[in-house]
PDB file of N, CA and C in Angstrom:
ATOM      1  N   MET A   1     -10.886  12.361 -12.583  1.00  0.00           N
ATOM      2  CA  MET A   1     -11.971  11.443 -12.283  1.00  0.00           C
ATOM      3  C   MET A   1     -11.573  10.412 -11.236  1.00  0.00           C
ATOM      4  N   LYS A   2     -10.295  10.112 -11.164  1.00  0.00           N
ATOM      5  CA  LYS A   2      -9.838   9.105 -10.222  1.00  0.00           C
ATOM      6  C   LYS A   2     -10.137   9.515  -8.782  1.00  0.00           C
ATOM      7  N   GLY A   3     -10.049  10.800  -8.477  1.00  0.00           N
ATOM      8  CA  GLY A   3     -10.287  11.278  -7.126  1.00  0.00           C
ATOM      9  C   GLY A   3     -11.723  11.062  -6.680  1.00  0.00           C
ATOM     10  N   LYS A   4     -12.664  11.264  -7.591  1.00  0.00           N
ATOM     11  CA  LYS A   4     -14.075  11.087  -7.258  1.00  0.00           C
ATOM     12  C   LYS A   4     -14.355   9.645  -6.873  1.00  0.00           C
ATOM     13  N   TRP A   5     -13.857   8.708  -7.648  1.00  0.00           N
ATOM     14  CA  TRP A   5     -14.134   7.300  -7.384  1.00  0.00           C
ATOM     15  C   TRP A   5     -13.414   6.824  -6.135  1.00  0.00           C
ATOM     16  N   ALA A   6     -12.239   7.340  -5.886  1.00  0.00           N
ATOM     17  CA  ALA A   6     -11.514   6.976  -4.663  1.00  0.00           C
ATOM     18  C   ALA A   6     -12.287   7.462  -3.438  1.00  0.00           C
ATOM     19  N   TYR A   7     -12.841   8.671  -3.518  1.00  0.00           N
ATOM     20  CA  TYR A   7     -13.625   9.208  -2.403  1.00  0.00           C
ATOM     21  C   TYR A   7     -14.890   8.393  -2.192  1.00  0.00           C
ATOM     22  N   MET A   8     -15.547   7.993  -3.272  1.00  0.00           N
ATOM     23  CA  MET A   8     -16.759   7.183  -3.153  1.00  0.00           C
ATOM     24  C   MET A   8     -16.442   5.827  -2.519  1.00  0.00           C
ATOM     25  N   ASP A   9     -15.340   5.215  -2.914  1.00  0.00           N
ATOM     26  CA  ASP A   9     -14.947   3.940  -2.316  1.00  0.00           C
ATOM     27  C   ASP A   9     -14.657   4.103  -0.832  1.00  0.00           C
ATOM     28  N   LYS A  10     -14.028   5.225  -0.474  1.00  0.00           N
ATOM     29  CA  LYS A  10     -13.688   5.480   0.923  1.00  0.00           C
ATOM     30  C   LYS A  10     -14.943   5.620   1.778  1.00  0.00           C
ATOM     31  N   ILE A  11     -15.940   6.359   1.282  1.00  0.00           N
ATOM     32  CA  ILE A  11     -17.139   6.555   2.104  1.00  0.00           C
ATOM     33  C   ILE A  11     -18.048   5.327   2.094  1.00  0.00           C
ATOM     34  N   ARG A  12     -17.956   4.486   1.079  1.00  0.00           N
ATOM     35  CA  ARG A  12     -18.762   3.261   1.071  1.00  0.00           C
ATOM     36  C   ARG A  12     -18.300   2.277   2.141  1.00  0.00           C
ATOM     37  N   GLU A  13     -17.044   2.369   2.546  1.00  0.00           N
ATOM     38  CA  GLU A  13     -16.506   1.464   3.560  1.00  0.00           C
ATOM     39  C   GLU A  13     -16.924   1.862   4.976  1.00  0.00           C
ATOM     40  N   LYS A  14     -17.398   3.093   5.156  1.00  0.00           N
ATOM     41  CA  LYS A  14     -17.738   3.581   6.489  1.00  0.00           C
ATOM     42  C   LYS A  14     -19.109   3.081   6.926  1.00  0.00           C
ATOM     43  N   THR A  15     -19.314   3.099   8.251  1.00  0.00           N
ATOM     44  CA  THR A  15     -20.605   2.700   8.798  1.00  0.00           C
ATOM     45  C   THR A  15     -21.571   3.881   8.740  1.00  0.00           C
ATOM     46  N   ILE A  16     -22.814   3.622   9.088  1.00  0.00           N
ATOM     47  CA  ILE A  16     -23.839   4.668   9.061  1.00  0.00           C
ATOM     48  C   ILE A  16     -23.490   5.782  10.037  1.00  0.00           C
ATOM     49  N   LYS A  17     -23.060   5.415  11.245  1.00  0.00           N
ATOM     50  CA  LYS A  17     -22.710   6.429  12.245  1.00  0.00           C
ATOM     51  C   LYS A  17     -21.534   7.286  11.791  1.00  0.00           C
ATOM     52  N   GLU A  18     -20.533   6.651  11.186  1.00  0.00           N
ATOM     53  CA  GLU A  18     -19.376   7.402  10.693  1.00  0.00           C
ATOM     54  C   GLU A  18     -19.777   8.360   9.578  1.00  0.00           C
ATOM     55  N   LEU A  19     -20.702   7.929   8.726  1.00  0.00           N
ATOM     56  CA  LEU A  19     -21.172   8.779   7.639  1.00  0.00           C
ATOM     57  C   LEU A  19     -21.931   9.993   8.177  1.00  0.00           C
ATOM     58  N   ILE A  20     -22.720   9.780   9.222  1.00  0.00           N
ATOM     59  CA  ILE A  20     -23.474  10.889   9.805  1.00  0.00           C
ATOM     60  C   ILE A  20     -22.518  11.904  10.428  1.00  0.00           C
ATOM     61  N   VAL A  21     -21.497  11.412  11.120  1.00  0.00           N
ATOM     62  CA  VAL A  21     -20.498  12.306  11.711  1.00  0.00           C
ATOM     63  C   VAL A  21     -19.763  13.084  10.622  1.00  0.00           C
ATOM     64  N   GLU A  22     -19.393  12.394   9.562  1.00  0.00           N
ATOM     65  CA  GLU A  22     -18.687  13.042   8.440  1.00  0.00           C
ATOM     66  C   GLU A  22     -19.576  14.097   7.780  1.00  0.00           C
ATOM     67  N   ARG A  23     -20.857  13.773   7.600  1.00  0.00           N
ATOM     68  CA  ARG A  23     -21.786  14.724   6.988  1.00  0.00           C
ATOM     69  C   ARG A  23     -21.952  15.978   7.849  1.00  0.00           C
ATOM     70  N   ASN A  24     -22.075  15.789   9.163  1.00  0.00           N
ATOM     71  CA  ASN A  24     -22.207  16.938  10.056  1.00  0.00           C
ATOM     72  C   ASN A  24     -20.960  17.817  10.023  1.00  0.00           C
ATOM     73  N   LYS A  25     -19.793  17.190   9.955  1.00  0.00           N
ATOM     74  CA  LYS A  25     -18.541  17.943   9.862  1.00  0.00           C
ATOM     75  C   LYS A  25     -18.497  18.751   8.563  1.00  0.00           C
ATOM     76  N   MET A  26     -18.912  18.107   7.478  1.00  0.00           N
ATOM     77  CA  MET A  26     -18.917  18.788   6.176  1.00  0.00           C
ATOM     78  C   MET A  26     -19.903  19.954   6.165  1.00  0.00           C
ATOM     79  N   LYS A  27     -21.051  19.783   6.816  1.00  0.00           N
ATOM     80  CA  LYS A  27     -22.026  20.866   6.870  1.00  0.00           C
ATOM     81  C   LYS A  27     -21.485  22.063   7.642  1.00  0.00           C
ATOM     82  N   LYS A  28     -20.737  21.798   8.716  1.00  0.00           N
ATOM     83  CA  LYS A  28     -20.105  22.894   9.462  1.00  0.00           C
ATOM     84  C   LYS A  28     -19.054  23.585   8.606  1.00  0.00           C
ATOM     85  N   ASP A  29     -18.280  22.789   7.861  1.00  0.00           N
ATOM     86  CA  ASP A  29     -17.280  23.365   6.964  1.00  0.00           C
ATOM     87  C   ASP A  29     -17.943  24.240   5.895  1.00  0.00           C
ATOM     88  N   LEU A  30     -19.062  23.751   5.358  1.00  0.00           N
ATOM     89  CA  LEU A  30     -19.782  24.505   4.342  1.00  0.00           C
ATOM     90  C   LEU A  30     -20.286  25.834   4.902  1.00  0.00           C
ATOM     91  N   TYR A  31     -20.823  25.798   6.113  1.00  0.00           N
ATOM     92  CA  TYR A  31     -21.294  27.025   6.750  1.00  0.00           C
ATOM     93  C   TYR A  31     -20.145  28.021   6.928  1.00  0.00           C
ATOM     94  N   ASN A  32     -19.003  27.527   7.407  1.00  0.00           N
ATOM     95  CA  ASN A  32     -17.851  28.411   7.606  1.00  0.00           C
ATOM     96  C   ASN A  32     -17.352  28.999   6.292  1.00  0.00           C
ATOM     97  N   LEU A  33     -17.337  28.194   5.253  1.00  0.00           N
ATOM     98  CA  LEU A  33     -16.909  28.700   3.941  1.00  0.00           C
ATOM     99  C   LEU A  33     -17.868  29.767   3.421  1.00  0.00           C
ATOM    100  N   LYS A  34     -19.165  29.542   3.612  1.00  0.00           N
ATOM    101  CA  LYS A  34     -20.155  30.526   3.163  1.00  0.00           C
ATOM    102  C   LYS A  34     -20.013  31.842   3.919  1.00  0.00           C
ATOM    103  N   MET A  35     -19.746  31.752   5.221  1.00  0.00           N
ATOM    104  CA  MET A  35     -19.569  32.972   6.011  1.00  0.00           C
ATOM    105  C   MET A  35     -18.318  33.735   5.583  1.00  0.00           C
ATOM    106  N   LYS A  36     -17.232  33.012   5.322  1.00  0.00           N
ATOM    107  CA  LYS A  36     -16.009  33.664   4.846  1.00  0.00           C
ATOM    108  C   LYS A  36     -16.240  34.318   3.493  1.00  0.00           C
ATOM    109  N   ASN A  37     -16.995  33.645   2.638  1.00  0.00           N
ATOM    110  CA  ASN A  37     -17.272  34.194   1.319  1.00  0.00           C
ATOM    111  C   ASN A  37     -18.133  35.450   1.420  1.00  0.00           C
ATOM    112  N   THR A  38     -19.036  35.485   2.388  1.00  0.00           N
ATOM    113  CA  THR A  38     -19.923  36.632   2.564  1.00  0.00           C
ATOM    114  C   THR A  38     -19.140  37.895   2.915  1.00  0.00           C
ATOM    115  N   ILE A  39     -18.111  37.734   3.730  1.00  0.00           N
ATOM    116  CA  ILE A  39     -17.327  38.913   4.124  1.00  0.00           C
ATOM    117  C   ILE A  39     -16.103  39.113   3.226  1.00  0.00           C
ATOM    118  N   ARG A  40     -16.111  38.463   2.067  1.00  0.00           N
ATOM    119  CA  ARG A  40     -15.057  38.589   1.058  1.00  0.00           C
ATOM    120  C   ARG A  40     -13.698  38.107   1.558  1.00  0.00           C
ATOM    121  N   GLY A  41     -13.690  37.132   2.455  1.00  0.00           N
ATOM    122  CA  GLY A  41     -12.443  36.614   2.965  1.00  0.00           C
ATOM    123  C   GLY A  41     -12.024  35.297   2.338  1.00  0.00           C
ATOM    124  N   LEU A  42     -12.839  34.787   1.441  1.00  0.00           N
ATOM    125  CA  LEU A  42     -12.559  33.489   0.829  1.00  0.00           C
ATOM    126  C   LEU A  42     -12.012  33.700  -0.576  1.00  0.00           C
ATOM    127  N   LYS A  43     -10.786  33.290  -0.778  1.00  0.00           N
ATOM    128  CA  LYS A  43     -10.149  33.448  -2.095  1.00  0.00           C
ATOM    129  C   LYS A  43     -10.500  32.293  -3.029  1.00  0.00           C
ATOM    130  N   GLU A  44     -10.656  31.099  -2.472  1.00  0.00           N
ATOM    131  CA  GLU A  44     -10.918  29.907  -3.286  1.00  0.00           C
ATOM    132  C   GLU A  44     -12.388  29.518  -3.167  1.00  0.00           C
ATOM    133  N   THR A  45     -13.231  30.207  -3.923  1.00  0.00           N
ATOM    134  CA  THR A  45     -14.674  29.995  -3.810  1.00  0.00           C
ATOM    135  C   THR A  45     -15.113  28.634  -4.338  1.00  0.00           C
ATOM    136  N   HIS A  46     -14.271  27.955  -5.107  1.00  0.00           N
ATOM    137  CA  HIS A  46     -14.630  26.633  -5.619  1.00  0.00           C
ATOM    138  C   HIS A  46     -14.749  25.603  -4.500  1.00  0.00           C
ATOM    139  N   LYS A  47     -14.192  25.887  -3.343  1.00  0.00           N
ATOM    140  CA  LYS A  47     -14.277  24.947  -2.227  1.00  0.00           C
ATOM    141  C   LYS A  47     -15.712  24.768  -1.754  1.00  0.00           C
ATOM    142  N   ILE A  48     -16.532  25.807  -1.895  1.00  0.00           N
ATOM    143  CA  ILE A  48     -17.946  25.708  -1.517  1.00  0.00           C
ATOM    144  C   ILE A  48     -18.614  24.623  -2.364  1.00  0.00           C
ATOM    145  N   TRP A  49     -18.374  24.651  -3.654  1.00  0.00           N
ATOM    146  CA  TRP A  49     -18.949  23.667  -4.566  1.00  0.00           C
ATOM    147  C   TRP A  49     -18.442  22.264  -4.235  1.00  0.00           C
ATOM    148  N   ASP A  50     -17.148  22.138  -3.957  1.00  0.00           N
ATOM    149  CA  ASP A  50     -16.565  20.838  -3.629  1.00  0.00           C
ATOM    150  C   ASP A  50     -17.212  20.231  -2.386  1.00  0.00           C
ATOM    151  N   VAL A  51     -17.416  21.041  -1.358  1.00  0.00           N
ATOM    152  CA  VAL A  51     -18.013  20.543  -0.118  1.00  0.00           C
ATOM    153  C   VAL A  51     -19.471  20.152  -0.351  1.00  0.00           C
ATOM    154  N   ARG A  52     -20.194  20.934  -1.140  1.00  0.00           N
ATOM    155  CA  ARG A  52     -21.588  20.590  -1.436  1.00  0.00           C
ATOM    156  C   ARG A  52     -21.688  19.253  -2.164  1.00  0.00           C
ATOM    157  N   ILE A  53     -20.785  19.013  -3.100  1.00  0.00           N
ATOM    158  CA  ILE A  53     -20.767  17.752  -3.834  1.00  0.00           C
ATOM    159  C   ILE A  53     -20.455  16.590  -2.895  1.00  0.00           C
ATOM    160  N   LYS A  54     -19.497  16.788  -1.978  1.00  0.00           N
ATOM    161  CA  LYS A  54     -19.159  15.729  -1.030  1.00  0.00           C
ATOM    162  C   LYS A  54     -20.325  15.407  -0.110  1.00  0.00           C
ATOM    163  N   ILE A  55     -21.047  16.433   0.324  1.00  0.00           N
ATOM    164  CA  ILE A  55     -22.225  16.203   1.173  1.00  0.00           C
ATOM    165  C   ILE A  55     -23.272  15.398   0.400  1.00  0.00           C
ATOM    166  N   ALA A  56     -23.476  15.723  -0.852  1.00  0.00           N
ATOM    167  CA  ALA A  56     -24.451  14.989  -1.671  1.00  0.00           C
ATOM    168  C   ALA A  56     -24.036  13.533  -1.842  1.00  0.00           C
ATOM    169  N   ARG A  57     -22.748  13.297  -2.043  1.00  0.00           N
ATOM    170  CA  ARG A  57     -22.265  11.917  -2.186  1.00  0.00           C
ATOM    171  C   ARG A  57     -22.443  11.139  -0.890  1.00  0.00           C
ATOM    172  N   ILE A  58     -22.152  11.791   0.234  1.00  0.00           N
ATOM    173  CA  ILE A  58     -22.345  11.127   1.524  1.00  0.00           C
ATOM    174  C   ILE A  58     -23.821  10.797   1.728  1.00  0.00           C
ATOM    175  N   ASN A  59     -24.707  11.728   1.393  1.00  0.00           N
ATOM    176  CA  ASN A  59     -26.147  11.490   1.530  1.00  0.00           C
ATOM    177  C   ASN A  59     -26.606  10.320   0.670  1.00  0.00           C
ATOM    178  N   THR A  60     -26.055  10.209  -0.526  1.00  0.00           N
ATOM    179  CA  THR A  60     -26.416   9.114  -1.425  1.00  0.00           C
ATOM    180  C   THR A  60     -26.018   7.771  -0.838  1.00  0.00           C
ATOM    181  N   VAL A  61     -24.781   7.676  -0.368  1.00  0.00           N
ATOM    182  CA  VAL A  61     -24.306   6.427   0.215  1.00  0.00           C
ATOM    183  C   VAL A  61     -25.055   6.117   1.505  1.00  0.00           C
ATOM    184  N   LEU A  62     -25.307   7.149   2.300  1.00  0.00           N
ATOM    185  CA  LEU A  62     -26.020   6.972   3.560  1.00  0.00           C
ATOM    186  C   LEU A  62     -27.427   6.433   3.322  1.00  0.00           C
ATOM    187  N   LYS A  63     -28.112   6.993   2.358  1.00  0.00           N
ATOM    188  CA  LYS A  63     -29.471   6.543   2.060  1.00  0.00           C
ATOM    189  C   LYS A  63     -29.478   5.096   1.581  1.00  0.00           C
ATOM    190  N   SER A  64     -28.515   4.736   0.750  1.00  0.00           N
ATOM    191  CA  SER A  64     -28.472   3.355   0.263  1.00  0.00           C
ATOM    192  C   SER A  64     -28.134   2.375   1.389  1.00  0.00           C
ATOM    193  N   LYS A  65     -27.260   2.768   2.316  1.00  0.00           N
ATOM    194  CA  LYS A  65     -26.923   1.896   3.446  1.00  0.00           C
ATOM    195  C   LYS A  65     -28.109   1.725   4.387  1.00  0.00           C
ATOM    196  N   ILE A  66     -28.831   2.806   4.630  1.00  0.00           N
ATOM    197  CA  ILE A  66     -30.010   2.719   5.494  1.00  0.00           C
ATOM    198  C   ILE A  66     -31.062   1.825   4.857  1.00  0.00           C
ATOM    199  N   LYS A  67     -31.269   1.979   3.568  1.00  0.00           N
ATOM    200  CA  LYS A  67     -32.250   1.151   2.865  1.00  0.00           C
ATOM    201  C   LYS A  67     -31.829  -0.313   2.877  1.00  0.00           C
ATOM    202  N   GLU A  68     -30.532  -0.535   2.726  1.00  0.00           N
ATOM    203  CA  GLU A  68     -29.999  -1.897   2.723  1.00  0.00           C
ATOM    204  C   GLU A  68     -30.174  -2.567   4.085  1.00  0.00           C
ATOM    205  N   ASN A  69     -29.932  -1.815   5.160  1.00  0.00           N
ATOM    206  CA  ASN A  69     -30.007  -2.377   6.509  1.00  0.00           C
ATOM    207  C   ASN A  69     -31.420  -2.484   7.052  1.00  0.00           C
ATOM    208  N   TYR A  70     -32.244  -1.506   6.747  1.00  0.00           N
ATOM    209  CA  TYR A  70     -33.568  -1.447   7.365  1.00  0.00           C
ATOM    210  C   TYR A  70     -34.723  -1.658   6.394  1.00  0.00           C
ATOM    211  N   GLY A  71     -34.452  -1.744   5.142  1.00  0.00           N
ATOM    212  CA  GLY A  71     -35.497  -1.936   4.152  1.00  0.00           C
ATOM    213  C   GLY A  71     -36.291  -0.663   3.938  1.00  0.00           C
ATOM    214  N   ASN A  72     -37.500  -0.802   3.446  1.00  0.00           N
ATOM    215  CA  ASN A  72     -38.342   0.356   3.169  1.00  0.00           C
ATOM    216  C   ASN A  72     -39.214   0.740   4.348  1.00  0.00           C
ATOM    217  N   ASN A  73     -38.939   0.199   5.531  1.00  0.00           N
ATOM    218  CA  ASN A  73     -39.749   0.475   6.713  1.00  0.00           C
ATOM    219  C   ASN A  73     -39.410   1.805   7.363  1.00  0.00           C
ATOM    220  N   MET A  74     -38.316   2.429   6.942  1.00  0.00           N
ATOM    221  CA  MET A  74     -37.893   3.707   7.539  1.00  0.00           C
ATOM    222  C   MET A  74     -38.716   4.850   6.960  1.00  0.00           C
ATOM    223  N   LYS A  75     -39.086   5.796   7.817  1.00  0.00           N
ATOM    224  CA  LYS A  75     -39.824   6.967   7.351  1.00  0.00           C
ATOM    225  C   LYS A  75     -38.928   8.164   7.401  1.00  0.00           C
TER     226      LYS A  75
END
């Protein structure tokens, strides 16, 4: 459990732009992992789940930061 909270603290310190860059990188990693898994080249399939969870955490923090900075005026 310590790893999850450390990761959340790390991403909470980042700016909105840094979070967007990190999310895009994670999405590319997720795509590559899925492609490797499709051709049976991925031995550690749990990494797909880990990356999906990290993307969700980044999205959560990103949404809260955007709401905090811009209020409810964003569409």
